Amino acid sequence: MIVIIDYGAGNLLSVANAITKLGYQPRITSDPAEVVKAGVVILPGVGAAGDTMDNLKRLKLVEPIRQLITEGRPFLGVCVGLQVLFTSTEEGGGHECLDIIPGRVCKLPSGLKIPHMGWNQVRQTLPHPLFEGIPDEANFYFVHSYYVEPEDKSLVVGETEYGVRLCSVIARGNLIATQFHPEKSGENGLKLYDNFIRLALAARVR
């Protein structure tokens, strides 16, 4: 079962529509019991990381997410769903996050148009099957004011230039996350979702 976690984010239906277009039947849920039983999990995101953490705590979804990732089950975080995986964020005066990936979430440098909104290139820094069939430096759609800085740089498989060279894709085993929105990124975004789900299903078979 492909589960899309519902914690009140506004782009759930666009993510679900993208997955449905690929021929799968995702389930949108905020039920911790359903999340913890899922074979494949997507945590999409728009808005603020602090609000996201508050909602995940309120809905008792923090421990199920940690359990899924600790057990190595396929998990995809998108935008804020990437940021909350880190130790802490500078956003809103500072908030603790899930601390699954050591590192911090930083504000984009001053002098740039913030939020970073629109199409930008993703440079594939390491080969990864997530990018199968996707050209290097393909464009994806971004909407964010903060970016992640993982302590372990070997997790970074995609980077994007916007004032700084920022991490736009991470991968650690079956845990994958993107700063951009694949569901808003046309054919390359659909291909990335398809690649993730194929990897996830293959991981479940092994």
N, C-alpha and C. Protein backbone atom coordinates (compact mmCIF):
# COMPACT_ATOMS: atom_id res chain seq x y z
N MET A 1 0.84 -1.20 0.00
CA MET A 1 0.00 0.00 0.00
C MET A 1 0.87 1.25 0.00
N ILE A 2 0.58 2.16 -0.92
CA ILE A 2 1.27 3.45 -0.98
C ILE A 2 0.46 4.45 -0.19
N VAL A 3 1.06 4.97 0.88
CA VAL A 3 0.37 5.91 1.76
C VAL A 3 0.97 7.30 1.59
N ILE A 4 0.10 8.29 1.45
CA ILE A 4 0.49 9.70 1.48
C ILE A 4 0.02 10.26 2.81
N ILE A 5 0.97 10.74 3.62
CA ILE A 5 0.62 11.19 4.96
C ILE A 5 -0.09 12.54 4.91
N ASP A 6 -1.25 12.59 5.53
CA ASP A 6 -2.06 13.80 5.60
C ASP A 6 -1.88 14.45 6.97
N TYR A 7 -1.15 15.55 7.01
CA TYR A 7 -1.02 16.29 8.26
C TYR A 7 -1.54 17.72 8.08
N GLY A 8 -2.33 17.93 7.02
CA GLY A 8 -2.91 19.24 6.76
C GLY A 8 -2.22 20.02 5.66
N ALA A 9 -1.25 19.44 4.97
CA ALA A 9 -0.59 20.13 3.87
C ALA A 9 -1.55 20.31 2.70
N GLY A 10 -1.32 21.35 1.91
CA GLY A 10 -2.28 21.71 0.88
C GLY A 10 -2.11 21.02 -0.45
N ASN A 11 -1.04 20.26 -0.66
CA ASN A 11 -0.79 19.71 -1.99
C ASN A 11 -0.99 18.20 -2.05
N LEU A 12 -1.75 17.66 -1.12
CA LEU A 12 -1.92 16.21 -1.07
C LEU A 12 -2.56 15.66 -2.34
N LEU A 13 -3.58 16.34 -2.83
CA LEU A 13 -4.30 15.82 -3.99
C LEU A 13 -3.43 15.83 -5.24
N SER A 14 -2.58 16.85 -5.39
CA SER A 14 -1.71 16.89 -6.56
C SER A 14 -0.70 15.75 -6.52
N VAL A 15 -0.21 15.41 -5.32
CA VAL A 15 0.68 14.26 -5.18
C VAL A 15 -0.08 12.98 -5.51
N ALA A 16 -1.27 12.83 -4.93
CA ALA A 16 -2.08 11.63 -5.18
C ALA A 16 -2.42 11.49 -6.66
N ASN A 17 -2.74 12.62 -7.32
CA ASN A 17 -3.07 12.56 -8.75
C ASN A 17 -1.88 12.11 -9.58
N ALA A 18 -0.68 12.57 -9.20
CA ALA A 18 0.52 12.15 -9.93
C ALA A 18 0.75 10.65 -9.79
N ILE A 19 0.58 10.14 -8.56
CA ILE A 19 0.78 8.71 -8.33
C ILE A 19 -0.29 7.89 -9.05
N THR A 20 -1.52 8.39 -9.04
CA THR A 20 -2.62 7.71 -9.73
C THR A 20 -2.37 7.66 -11.23
N LYS A 21 -1.82 8.75 -11.77
CA LYS A 21 -1.53 8.81 -13.21
C LYS A 21 -0.54 7.73 -13.61
N LEU A 22 0.28 7.31 -12.67
CA LEU A 22 1.27 6.26 -12.96
C LEU A 22 0.68 4.86 -12.86
N GLY A 23 -0.61 4.78 -12.48
CA GLY A 23 -1.27 3.48 -12.44
C GLY A 23 -1.37 2.85 -11.06
N TYR A 24 -1.02 3.60 -10.03
CA TYR A 24 -1.10 3.10 -8.66
C TYR A 24 -2.31 3.71 -7.95
N GLN A 25 -2.66 3.13 -6.82
CA GLN A 25 -3.80 3.62 -6.04
C GLN A 25 -3.33 4.03 -4.65
N PRO A 26 -2.87 5.26 -4.50
CA PRO A 26 -2.37 5.70 -3.20
C PRO A 26 -3.51 5.95 -2.23
N ARG A 27 -3.19 5.88 -0.95
CA ARG A 27 -4.17 6.18 0.09
C ARG A 27 -3.68 7.37 0.90
N ILE A 28 -4.52 8.40 1.03
CA ILE A 28 -4.21 9.56 1.85
C ILE A 28 -4.76 9.31 3.25
N THR A 29 -3.91 9.42 4.26
CA THR A 29 -4.38 9.13 5.62
C THR A 29 -3.58 9.89 6.66
N SER A 30 -4.22 10.14 7.78
CA SER A 30 -3.53 10.69 8.96
C SER A 30 -3.58 9.70 10.12
N ASP A 31 -4.02 8.48 9.84
CA ASP A 31 -4.15 7.45 10.87
C ASP A 31 -2.79 6.81 11.13
N PRO A 32 -2.22 6.96 12.32
CA PRO A 32 -0.91 6.38 12.61
C PRO A 32 -0.85 4.88 12.36
N ALA A 33 -1.94 4.17 12.64
CA ALA A 33 -1.95 2.71 12.45
C ALA A 33 -1.82 2.35 10.98
N GLU A 34 -2.46 3.11 10.11
CA GLU A 34 -2.35 2.86 8.67
C GLU A 34 -0.95 3.22 8.16
N VAL A 35 -0.41 4.32 8.67
CA VAL A 35 0.92 4.75 8.25
C VAL A 35 1.95 3.70 8.61
N VAL A 36 1.88 3.19 9.83
CA VAL A 36 2.91 2.25 10.29
C VAL A 36 2.82 0.90 9.57
N LYS A 37 1.67 0.59 8.98
CA LYS A 37 1.51 -0.66 8.24
C LYS A 37 1.86 -0.51 6.75
N ALA A 38 2.09 0.71 6.30
CA ALA A 38 2.26 0.96 4.87
C ALA A 38 3.55 0.36 4.35
N GLY A 39 3.49 -0.06 3.09
CA GLY A 39 4.69 -0.57 2.45
C GLY A 39 5.55 0.52 1.85
N VAL A 40 4.90 1.59 1.39
CA VAL A 40 5.57 2.73 0.77
C VAL A 40 4.92 3.99 1.32
N VAL A 41 5.74 4.97 1.73
CA VAL A 41 5.20 6.17 2.37
C VAL A 41 5.75 7.42 1.70
N ILE A 42 4.87 8.39 1.47
CA ILE A 42 5.27 9.70 0.94
C ILE A 42 4.82 10.77 1.92
N LEU A 43 5.75 11.64 2.30
CA LEU A 43 5.45 12.78 3.18
C LEU A 43 5.62 14.05 2.35
N PRO A 44 4.53 14.56 1.77
CA PRO A 44 4.64 15.78 0.97
C PRO A 44 4.66 17.01 1.88
N GLY A 45 4.91 18.17 1.29
CA GLY A 45 4.93 19.33 2.18
C GLY A 45 4.86 20.66 1.48
N VAL A 46 4.09 21.55 2.06
CA VAL A 46 4.13 22.98 1.76
C VAL A 46 3.99 23.69 3.09
N GLY A 47 4.47 24.93 3.16
CA GLY A 47 4.31 25.68 4.40
C GLY A 47 5.56 25.65 5.26
N ALA A 48 5.35 25.81 6.56
CA ALA A 48 6.46 25.98 7.51
C ALA A 48 6.78 24.66 8.22
N ALA A 49 8.07 24.43 8.44
CA ALA A 49 8.51 23.20 9.10
C ALA A 49 8.00 23.14 10.53
N GLY A 50 7.98 24.28 11.24
CA GLY A 50 7.50 24.29 12.62
C GLY A 50 6.04 23.88 12.71
N ASP A 51 5.22 24.40 11.81
CA ASP A 51 3.80 24.02 11.78
C ASP A 51 3.65 22.55 11.42
N THR A 52 4.48 22.09 10.49
CA THR A 52 4.44 20.68 10.10
C THR A 52 4.74 19.79 11.30
N MET A 53 5.79 20.13 12.05
CA MET A 53 6.13 19.33 13.23
C MET A 53 5.01 19.36 14.26
N ASP A 54 4.41 20.52 14.47
CA ASP A 54 3.29 20.62 15.41
C ASP A 54 2.15 19.69 15.00
N ASN A 55 1.85 19.67 13.70
CA ASN A 55 0.75 18.82 13.22
C ASN A 55 1.10 17.34 13.30
N LEU A 56 2.34 17.00 12.98
CA LEU A 56 2.75 15.59 13.10
C LEU A 56 2.66 15.11 14.54
N LYS A 57 3.07 15.97 15.48
CA LYS A 57 2.96 15.61 16.90
C LYS A 57 1.50 15.48 17.32
N ARG A 58 0.69 16.44 16.91
CA ARG A 58 -0.73 16.43 17.29
C ARG A 58 -1.43 15.17 16.80
N LEU A 59 -1.07 14.73 15.61
CA LEU A 59 -1.70 13.55 15.00
C LEU A 59 -1.01 12.24 15.38
N LYS A 60 0.03 12.35 16.26
CA LYS A 60 0.76 11.17 16.72
C LYS A 60 1.40 10.40 15.58
N LEU A 61 1.99 11.17 14.65
CA LEU A 61 2.63 10.57 13.48
C LEU A 61 4.15 10.56 13.57
N VAL A 62 4.72 11.20 14.59
CA VAL A 62 6.17 11.29 14.68
C VAL A 62 6.81 9.91 14.84
N GLU A 63 6.33 9.14 15.80
CA GLU A 63 6.94 7.83 16.05
C GLU A 63 6.71 6.86 14.89
N PRO A 64 5.52 6.82 14.28
CA PRO A 64 5.37 5.96 13.10
C PRO A 64 6.35 6.30 11.98
N ILE A 65 6.59 7.58 11.74
CA ILE A 65 7.54 7.97 10.70
C ILE A 65 8.95 7.50 11.06
N ARG A 66 9.34 7.73 12.32
CA ARG A 66 10.66 7.27 12.75
C ARG A 66 10.78 5.75 12.64
N GLN A 67 9.72 5.04 12.99
CA GLN A 67 9.76 3.58 12.94
C GLN A 67 9.93 3.09 11.50
N LEU A 68 9.15 3.68 10.59
CA LEU A 68 9.24 3.28 9.18
C LEU A 68 10.66 3.44 8.65
N ILE A 69 11.26 4.59 8.95
CA ILE A 69 12.58 4.87 8.41
C ILE A 69 13.63 4.01 9.09
N THR A 70 13.50 3.81 10.39
CA THR A 70 14.44 2.94 11.11
C THR A 70 14.40 1.52 10.58
N GLU A 71 13.22 1.06 10.22
CA GLU A 71 13.07 -0.29 9.67
C GLU A 71 13.48 -0.39 8.21
N GLY A 72 13.82 0.74 7.59
CA GLY A 72 14.29 0.72 6.22
C GLY A 72 13.21 0.60 5.18
N ARG A 73 11.96 0.93 5.57
CA ARG A 73 10.90 0.86 4.57
C ARG A 73 10.95 2.08 3.65
N PRO A 74 10.54 1.93 2.39
CA PRO A 74 10.65 3.01 1.42
C PRO A 74 9.88 4.26 1.86
N PHE A 75 10.57 5.39 1.85
CA PHE A 75 10.01 6.65 2.34
C PHE A 75 10.51 7.78 1.46
N LEU A 76 9.57 8.62 0.99
CA LEU A 76 9.91 9.77 0.17
C LEU A 76 9.39 11.04 0.84
N GLY A 77 10.29 11.97 1.13
CA GLY A 77 9.91 13.28 1.65
C GLY A 77 10.00 14.31 0.54
N VAL A 78 9.04 15.23 0.51
CA VAL A 78 8.98 16.25 -0.54
C VAL A 78 8.91 17.63 0.09
N CYS A 79 9.85 18.50 -0.26
CA CYS A 79 9.91 19.90 0.18
C CYS A 79 9.98 19.99 1.71
N VAL A 80 8.94 20.44 2.37
CA VAL A 80 8.96 20.45 3.83
C VAL A 80 9.10 19.02 4.38
N GLY A 81 8.62 18.04 3.61
CA GLY A 81 8.80 16.65 3.98
C GLY A 81 10.26 16.22 3.98
N LEU A 82 11.10 16.94 3.26
CA LEU A 82 12.56 16.78 3.35
C LEU A 82 13.08 17.49 4.60
N GLN A 83 12.68 18.74 4.78
CA GLN A 83 13.25 19.57 5.83
C GLN A 83 13.01 19.01 7.23
N VAL A 84 11.82 18.48 7.48
CA VAL A 84 11.52 18.01 8.83
C VAL A 84 12.28 16.73 9.19
N LEU A 85 12.93 16.10 8.23
CA LEU A 85 13.76 14.93 8.53
C LEU A 85 15.04 15.32 9.26
N PHE A 86 15.39 16.60 9.23
CA PHE A 86 16.66 17.04 9.78
C PHE A 86 16.55 17.34 11.28
N THR A 87 17.70 17.68 11.86
CA THR A 87 17.75 17.88 13.31
C THR A 87 16.96 19.10 13.74
N SER A 88 17.15 20.21 13.04
CA SER A 88 16.49 21.45 13.45
C SER A 88 16.40 22.39 12.26
N THR A 89 15.53 23.40 12.40
CA THR A 89 15.37 24.41 11.37
C THR A 89 15.50 25.80 11.98
N GLU A 90 16.04 26.73 11.20
CA GLU A 90 16.12 28.13 11.62
C GLU A 90 14.77 28.83 11.49
N GLU A 91 13.85 28.23 10.77
CA GLU A 91 12.58 28.87 10.46
C GLU A 91 11.79 29.18 11.72
N GLY A 92 11.15 30.36 11.73
CA GLY A 92 10.28 30.73 12.85
C GLY A 92 11.00 30.87 14.17
N GLY A 93 12.27 31.28 14.12
CA GLY A 93 13.03 31.44 15.36
C GLY A 93 13.70 30.16 15.84
N GLY A 94 13.51 29.08 15.10
CA GLY A 94 14.16 27.81 15.45
C GLY A 94 13.18 26.78 15.97
N HIS A 95 13.25 25.59 15.44
CA HIS A 95 12.39 24.47 15.87
C HIS A 95 13.19 23.18 15.76
N GLU A 96 12.93 22.28 16.69
CA GLU A 96 13.46 20.93 16.57
C GLU A 96 12.62 20.16 15.56
N CYS A 97 13.30 19.34 14.77
CA CYS A 97 12.60 18.52 13.78
C CYS A 97 12.73 17.05 14.15
N LEU A 98 12.62 16.15 13.19
CA LEU A 98 12.59 14.72 13.50
C LEU A 98 13.96 14.15 13.88
N ASP A 99 15.03 14.81 13.48
CA ASP A 99 16.40 14.40 13.80
C ASP A 99 16.70 12.99 13.27
N ILE A 100 16.17 12.69 12.11
CA ILE A 100 16.46 11.42 11.45
C ILE A 100 17.74 11.54 10.64
N ILE A 101 17.95 12.71 10.06
CA ILE A 101 19.18 13.00 9.32
C ILE A 101 19.90 14.12 10.06
N PRO A 102 21.10 13.88 10.58
CA PRO A 102 21.83 14.94 11.27
C PRO A 102 22.12 16.11 10.31
N GLY A 103 21.79 17.30 10.76
CA GLY A 103 22.00 18.49 9.95
C GLY A 103 20.96 19.53 10.28
N ARG A 104 21.02 20.64 9.58
CA ARG A 104 20.12 21.75 9.90
C ARG A 104 19.48 22.29 8.63
N VAL A 105 18.42 23.05 8.85
CA VAL A 105 17.69 23.71 7.77
C VAL A 105 17.95 25.21 7.90
N CYS A 106 18.49 25.82 6.84
CA CYS A 106 18.96 27.21 6.88
C CYS A 106 18.14 28.08 5.93
N LYS A 107 18.06 29.36 6.26
CA LYS A 107 17.37 30.32 5.39
C LYS A 107 18.24 30.63 4.19
N LEU A 108 17.62 30.76 3.02
CA LEU A 108 18.34 31.16 1.83
C LEU A 108 19.00 32.52 2.05
N PRO A 109 20.15 32.77 1.42
CA PRO A 109 20.87 34.02 1.67
C PRO A 109 20.06 35.26 1.31
N SER A 110 20.28 36.33 2.04
CA SER A 110 19.63 37.60 1.73
C SER A 110 20.12 38.12 0.39
N GLY A 111 19.32 38.94 -0.24
CA GLY A 111 19.65 39.47 -1.56
C GLY A 111 19.04 38.68 -2.69
N LEU A 112 18.52 37.49 -2.38
CA LEU A 112 17.85 36.68 -3.38
C LEU A 112 16.34 36.92 -3.32
N LYS A 113 15.67 36.62 -4.40
CA LYS A 113 14.21 36.62 -4.36
C LYS A 113 13.75 35.41 -3.56
N ILE A 114 13.07 35.68 -2.46
CA ILE A 114 12.62 34.61 -1.56
C ILE A 114 11.10 34.71 -1.39
N PRO A 115 10.36 33.62 -1.56
CA PRO A 115 10.87 32.25 -1.75
C PRO A 115 11.47 32.03 -3.14
N HIS A 116 12.35 31.04 -3.19
CA HIS A 116 12.84 30.52 -4.46
C HIS A 116 11.66 29.79 -5.09
N MET A 117 11.12 30.37 -6.16
CA MET A 117 9.89 29.82 -6.74
C MET A 117 10.05 29.71 -8.24
N GLY A 118 9.86 28.50 -8.75
CA GLY A 118 9.91 28.29 -10.18
C GLY A 118 10.84 27.15 -10.55
N TRP A 119 11.18 27.11 -11.83
CA TRP A 119 11.97 26.00 -12.37
C TRP A 119 13.45 26.24 -12.15
N ASN A 120 14.17 25.18 -11.80
CA ASN A 120 15.61 25.26 -11.65
C ASN A 120 16.20 23.89 -11.92
N GLN A 121 17.48 23.89 -12.27
CA GLN A 121 18.14 22.65 -12.64
C GLN A 121 18.57 21.85 -11.41
N VAL A 122 18.55 20.55 -11.55
CA VAL A 122 19.08 19.65 -10.54
C VAL A 122 20.27 18.91 -11.15
N ARG A 123 21.44 19.15 -10.56
CA ARG A 123 22.65 18.46 -11.03
C ARG A 123 22.81 17.17 -10.23
N GLN A 124 22.91 16.07 -10.94
CA GLN A 124 23.04 14.76 -10.29
C GLN A 124 24.48 14.58 -9.83
N THR A 125 24.71 14.68 -8.54
CA THR A 125 26.08 14.64 -8.01
C THR A 125 26.60 13.21 -7.84
N LEU A 126 25.69 12.25 -7.71
CA LEU A 126 26.06 10.84 -7.61
C LEU A 126 25.07 10.02 -8.43
N PRO A 127 25.53 8.95 -9.07
CA PRO A 127 24.58 8.10 -9.79
C PRO A 127 23.58 7.48 -8.80
N HIS A 128 22.33 7.48 -9.19
CA HIS A 128 21.30 6.87 -8.34
C HIS A 128 20.15 6.43 -9.23
N PRO A 129 19.57 5.24 -8.98
CA PRO A 129 18.46 4.77 -9.81
C PRO A 129 17.23 5.67 -9.76
N LEU A 130 17.14 6.56 -8.78
CA LEU A 130 16.04 7.53 -8.75
C LEU A 130 16.03 8.37 -10.03
N PHE A 131 17.21 8.58 -10.63
CA PHE A 131 17.34 9.45 -11.80
C PHE A 131 17.27 8.69 -13.12
N GLU A 132 16.95 7.41 -13.08
CA GLU A 132 16.91 6.63 -14.33
C GLU A 132 15.96 7.29 -15.33
N GLY A 133 16.46 7.55 -16.53
CA GLY A 133 15.64 8.15 -17.57
C GLY A 133 15.45 9.65 -17.45
N ILE A 134 16.11 10.26 -16.46
CA ILE A 134 16.01 11.71 -16.25
C ILE A 134 17.36 12.34 -16.58
N PRO A 135 17.41 13.28 -17.54
CA PRO A 135 18.71 13.86 -17.91
C PRO A 135 19.33 14.63 -16.74
N ASP A 136 20.66 14.61 -16.69
CA ASP A 136 21.35 15.45 -15.72
C ASP A 136 21.03 16.92 -16.02
N GLU A 137 20.90 17.70 -14.96
CA GLU A 137 20.55 19.12 -15.03
C GLU A 137 19.15 19.35 -15.60
N ALA A 138 18.28 18.37 -15.44
CA ALA A 138 16.87 18.56 -15.79
C ALA A 138 16.25 19.58 -14.83
N ASN A 139 15.20 20.25 -15.31
CA ASN A 139 14.52 21.25 -14.50
C ASN A 139 13.40 20.63 -13.67
N PHE A 140 13.29 21.09 -12.42
CA PHE A 140 12.21 20.71 -11.53
C PHE A 140 11.66 21.98 -10.88
N TYR A 141 10.47 21.87 -10.30
CA TYR A 141 9.78 23.06 -9.77
C TYR A 141 9.99 23.19 -8.27
N PHE A 142 10.48 24.36 -7.86
CA PHE A 142 10.79 24.65 -6.46
C PHE A 142 9.87 25.73 -5.91
N VAL A 143 9.53 25.59 -4.62
CA VAL A 143 8.89 26.67 -3.86
C VAL A 143 9.38 26.54 -2.42
N HIS A 144 10.38 27.36 -2.04
CA HIS A 144 10.91 27.24 -0.68
C HIS A 144 11.74 28.47 -0.32
N SER A 145 11.86 28.70 0.98
CA SER A 145 12.68 29.80 1.51
C SER A 145 13.86 29.29 2.33
N TYR A 146 13.89 27.99 2.59
CA TYR A 146 14.92 27.38 3.41
C TYR A 146 15.50 26.19 2.67
N TYR A 147 16.71 25.78 3.05
CA TYR A 147 17.36 24.65 2.39
C TYR A 147 18.09 23.83 3.45
N VAL A 148 18.35 22.57 3.12
CA VAL A 148 18.94 21.65 4.10
C VAL A 148 20.45 21.58 3.93
N GLU A 149 21.13 21.39 5.07
CA GLU A 149 22.58 21.18 5.10
C GLU A 149 22.85 19.90 5.90
N PRO A 150 22.92 18.75 5.24
CA PRO A 150 23.22 17.51 5.97
C PRO A 150 24.68 17.49 6.42
N GLU A 151 24.91 16.95 7.61
CA GLU A 151 26.28 16.79 8.08
C GLU A 151 27.05 15.80 7.20
N ASP A 152 26.38 14.76 6.77
CA ASP A 152 26.99 13.74 5.92
C ASP A 152 26.74 14.10 4.46
N LYS A 153 27.73 14.67 3.80
CA LYS A 153 27.56 15.14 2.43
C LYS A 153 27.39 13.99 1.44
N SER A 154 27.74 12.78 1.86
CA SER A 154 27.60 11.64 0.95
C SER A 154 26.13 11.29 0.69
N LEU A 155 25.22 11.85 1.49
CA LEU A 155 23.78 11.63 1.28
C LEU A 155 23.23 12.45 0.13
N VAL A 156 23.98 13.48 -0.29
CA VAL A 156 23.50 14.41 -1.32
C VAL A 156 23.70 13.77 -2.70
N VAL A 157 22.60 13.53 -3.41
CA VAL A 157 22.71 12.97 -4.76
C VAL A 157 22.26 13.97 -5.82
N GLY A 158 21.71 15.11 -5.38
CA GLY A 158 21.32 16.17 -6.32
C GLY A 158 21.55 17.53 -5.70
N GLU A 159 22.04 18.48 -6.50
CA GLU A 159 22.28 19.84 -6.03
C GLU A 159 21.69 20.85 -7.01
N THR A 160 21.40 22.04 -6.49
CA THR A 160 20.82 23.11 -7.29
C THR A 160 21.47 24.42 -6.90
N GLU A 161 21.71 25.29 -7.86
CA GLU A 161 22.30 26.60 -7.60
C GLU A 161 21.20 27.64 -7.45
N TYR A 162 21.19 28.29 -6.28
CA TYR A 162 20.30 29.45 -6.09
C TYR A 162 20.93 30.32 -5.00
N GLY A 163 21.86 31.15 -5.40
CA GLY A 163 22.60 31.94 -4.43
C GLY A 163 23.67 31.14 -3.73
N VAL A 164 23.34 29.92 -3.37
CA VAL A 164 24.27 28.94 -2.83
C VAL A 164 24.08 27.63 -3.59
N ARG A 165 25.03 26.74 -3.47
CA ARG A 165 24.84 25.39 -4.01
C ARG A 165 24.12 24.60 -2.95
N LEU A 166 22.84 24.36 -3.17
CA LEU A 166 22.03 23.73 -2.12
C LEU A 166 21.69 22.29 -2.47
N CYS A 167 21.51 21.52 -1.42
CA CYS A 167 21.12 20.12 -1.56
C CYS A 167 19.66 20.07 -2.00
N SER A 168 19.40 19.43 -3.13
CA SER A 168 18.01 19.32 -3.60
C SER A 168 17.50 17.89 -3.63
N VAL A 169 18.38 16.89 -3.47
CA VAL A 169 17.95 15.49 -3.35
C VAL A 169 18.90 14.77 -2.40
N ILE A 170 18.33 14.03 -1.45
CA ILE A 170 19.14 13.16 -0.59
C ILE A 170 18.67 11.72 -0.77
N ALA A 171 19.59 10.81 -0.50
CA ALA A 171 19.24 9.38 -0.54
C ALA A 171 20.10 8.64 0.48
N ARG A 172 19.42 7.84 1.29
CA ARG A 172 20.10 6.97 2.27
C ARG A 172 19.32 5.68 2.35
N GLY A 173 19.81 4.66 1.65
CA GLY A 173 19.05 3.41 1.59
C GLY A 173 17.70 3.64 0.93
N ASN A 174 16.65 3.24 1.62
CA ASN A 174 15.29 3.40 1.09
C ASN A 174 14.66 4.75 1.44
N LEU A 175 15.43 5.61 2.07
CA LEU A 175 14.97 6.96 2.40
C LEU A 175 15.45 7.93 1.33
N ILE A 176 14.50 8.57 0.67
CA ILE A 176 14.79 9.53 -0.39
C ILE A 176 13.97 10.79 -0.11
N ALA A 177 14.53 11.96 -0.42
CA ALA A 177 13.77 13.19 -0.22
C ALA A 177 14.25 14.25 -1.20
N THR A 178 13.32 15.11 -1.62
CA THR A 178 13.62 16.16 -2.59
C THR A 178 13.17 17.51 -2.05
N GLN A 179 13.94 18.56 -2.39
CA GLN A 179 13.51 19.91 -2.03
C GLN A 179 12.45 20.42 -3.00
N PHE A 180 12.49 19.97 -4.24
CA PHE A 180 11.52 20.40 -5.25
C PHE A 180 10.26 19.54 -5.17
N HIS A 181 9.27 19.93 -5.96
CA HIS A 181 7.98 19.23 -6.00
C HIS A 181 7.88 18.42 -7.29
N PRO A 182 8.11 17.09 -7.23
CA PRO A 182 7.96 16.30 -8.46
C PRO A 182 6.57 16.40 -9.07
N GLU A 183 5.54 16.51 -8.24
CA GLU A 183 4.16 16.55 -8.74
C GLU A 183 3.87 17.80 -9.55
N LYS A 184 4.74 18.81 -9.45
CA LYS A 184 4.58 20.04 -10.23
C LYS A 184 5.62 20.16 -11.32
N SER A 185 6.35 19.08 -11.57
CA SER A 185 7.53 19.14 -12.43
C SER A 185 7.39 18.38 -13.74
N GLY A 186 6.17 18.26 -14.24
CA GLY A 186 5.96 17.68 -15.56
C GLY A 186 6.42 16.24 -15.67
N GLU A 187 6.88 15.88 -16.87
CA GLU A 187 7.24 14.50 -17.15
C GLU A 187 8.42 14.02 -16.31
N ASN A 188 9.40 14.89 -16.08
CA ASN A 188 10.54 14.47 -15.25
C ASN A 188 10.11 14.19 -13.82
N GLY A 189 9.16 14.97 -13.31
CA GLY A 189 8.65 14.73 -11.97
C GLY A 189 7.90 13.42 -11.87
N LEU A 190 7.07 13.14 -12.88
CA LEU A 190 6.36 11.86 -12.90
C LEU A 190 7.34 10.70 -13.00
N LYS A 191 8.37 10.87 -13.80
CA LYS A 191 9.38 9.81 -13.93
C LYS A 191 10.08 9.57 -12.61
N LEU A 192 10.37 10.65 -11.87
CA LEU A 192 11.02 10.48 -10.58
C LEU A 192 10.12 9.73 -9.60
N TYR A 193 8.83 10.08 -9.55
CA TYR A 193 7.90 9.33 -8.71
C TYR A 193 7.85 7.86 -9.13
N ASP A 194 7.80 7.62 -10.44
CA ASP A 194 7.74 6.25 -10.93
C ASP A 194 8.99 5.48 -10.53
N ASN A 195 10.14 6.12 -10.67
CA ASN A 195 11.39 5.46 -10.27
C ASN A 195 11.40 5.14 -8.78
N PHE A 196 10.94 6.09 -7.97
CA PHE A 196 10.90 5.84 -6.53
C PHE A 196 10.00 4.65 -6.20
N ILE A 197 8.82 4.61 -6.79
CA ILE A 197 7.88 3.53 -6.47
C ILE A 197 8.42 2.18 -6.95
N ARG A 198 9.06 2.17 -8.12
CA ARG A 198 9.66 0.94 -8.62
C ARG A 198 10.77 0.46 -7.68
N LEU A 199 11.59 1.40 -7.22
CA LEU A 199 12.64 1.03 -6.25
C LEU A 199 12.02 0.51 -4.97
N ALA A 200 10.94 1.16 -4.54
CA ALA A 200 10.27 0.76 -3.30
C ALA A 200 9.70 -0.65 -3.42
N LEU A 201 9.04 -0.93 -4.53
CA LEU A 201 8.44 -2.25 -4.72
C LEU A 201 9.53 -3.33 -4.83
N ALA A 202 10.63 -2.98 -5.48
CA ALA A 202 11.74 -3.94 -5.58
C ALA A 202 12.34 -4.22 -4.21
N ALA A 203 12.41 -3.18 -3.39
CA ALA A 203 12.96 -3.35 -2.02
C ALA A 203 12.07 -4.26 -1.20
N ARG A 204 10.76 -4.17 -1.40
CA ARG A 204 9.83 -5.02 -0.64
C ARG A 204 9.95 -6.48 -1.04
N VAL A 205 10.29 -6.72 -2.34
CA VAL A 205 10.43 -8.09 -2.81
C VAL A 205 11.67 -8.76 -2.22
N ARG A 206 12.75 -7.97 -2.06
CA ARG A 206 14.02 -8.55 -1.60
C ARG A 206 13.94 -9.09 -0.19
